[in-house]
Each structure stands twice: as structure tokens, then as C-alpha cells.
Protein backbone atom coordinates (compact mmCIF):
# COMPACT_ATOMS: atom_id res chain seq x y z
CA MET A 1 111.94 100.29 119.63
CA ARG A 2 115.50 98.74 118.43
CA GLU A 3 116.01 96.77 114.99
CA ALA A 4 115.64 93.55 116.95
CA GLU A 5 112.29 94.18 118.05
CA LEU A 6 111.27 95.30 114.64
CA TRP A 7 112.49 91.94 112.88
CA THR A 8 110.66 90.11 115.70
CA ARG A 9 107.28 91.88 115.25
CA LEU A 10 107.74 91.30 111.24
CA GLU A 11 108.23 87.59 111.71
CA GLU A 12 105.16 87.39 113.89
CA VAL A 13 102.87 88.66 111.62
CA LEU A 14 104.30 87.52 108.62
CA GLY A 15 106.03 84.20 109.60
CA PRO A 16 109.97 83.73 110.09
CA GLY A 17 110.65 82.10 106.22
CA TYR A 18 108.66 85.21 104.32
CA ALA A 19 109.91 88.51 106.68
CA ARG A 20 113.15 89.17 105.06
CA ALA A 21 112.03 88.51 101.85
CA TRP A 22 109.01 90.50 102.10
CA ALA A 23 111.14 93.31 103.72
CA ASP A 24 113.17 93.40 100.48
CA LEU A 25 110.40 93.44 98.05
CA VAL A 26 107.57 95.74 99.05
CA VAL A 27 107.86 99.41 98.82
CA MET A 28 105.51 101.85 100.73
CA SER A 29 105.25 105.46 100.14
CA ASP A 30 104.62 106.20 104.01
CA LEU A 31 108.54 105.03 104.19
CA GLY A 32 109.36 107.73 101.30
CA GLY A 33 108.91 104.69 98.21
CA ARG A 34 111.48 102.46 100.04
CA CYS A 35 111.07 98.91 101.05
CA VAL A 36 111.67 97.89 105.08
CA ASN A 37 115.64 97.31 104.32
CA GLU A 38 116.02 100.27 102.31
CA ALA A 39 114.39 102.55 105.10
CA ILE A 40 116.93 100.66 107.77
CA THR A 41 120.06 101.47 105.86
CA ALA A 42 118.56 105.25 105.16
CA GLY A 43 118.47 105.42 108.72
CA LEU A 44 114.61 105.80 109.50
CA ASP A 45 113.86 105.45 112.83
CA PHE A 46 112.68 101.61 113.43
CA LYS A 47 109.24 103.02 114.55
CA THR A 48 108.52 104.81 111.87
CA ILE A 49 109.48 101.99 109.58
CA TRP A 50 106.93 99.83 112.24
CA ARG A 51 103.72 102.00 111.41
CA ALA A 52 104.55 102.10 108.15
CA VAL A 53 104.29 98.27 108.10
CA TRP A 54 101.64 98.78 110.16
CA ALA A 55 99.32 100.89 108.39
CA TYR A 56 100.59 98.82 104.86
CA LEU A 57 99.41 95.80 106.18
CA GLU A 58 96.13 97.22 107.97
CA LEU A 59 97.18 95.38 110.89
CA PRO A 60 94.87 95.30 114.29
CA GLU A 61 95.33 98.32 116.58
CA SER A 62 96.83 95.77 119.30
CA LEU A 63 99.63 95.18 117.03
CA ARG A 64 100.52 98.67 116.93
């Protein structure tokens, strides 16, 4: 997964106006106590980040 795809998916589930703010505010244990933007900066794999988001938001399997 590339960064652009991660942002596209985030915008699809959270809305384009909220996705960027959410990525700065929500801290997830699956990301080592980081928010999405911190995880990106730390160099975590985008697929790993998406899986953490998917689990946190309890999204359907079809979006995994």
C-alpha cells in the first residue's frame, strides 16, 4: 500500500474534511501509542497503519 491509498481510504471512511484531523488526534495502541501521522513519520508500513485504523474503527471485512 502507498501513502496516497492510505489517505484515500481514510477519506472514504471518515470524510475528506475530517480524515486529516482524525489522523492527528486519535492515538491507537496498535500503532505503539501513536496517531496515524506520528506512525507515518516513524516509518511504519502504510498497510500496518491501515490495519490498525480498520480495527480501531471496527470497519467491515470488505474494507480490510
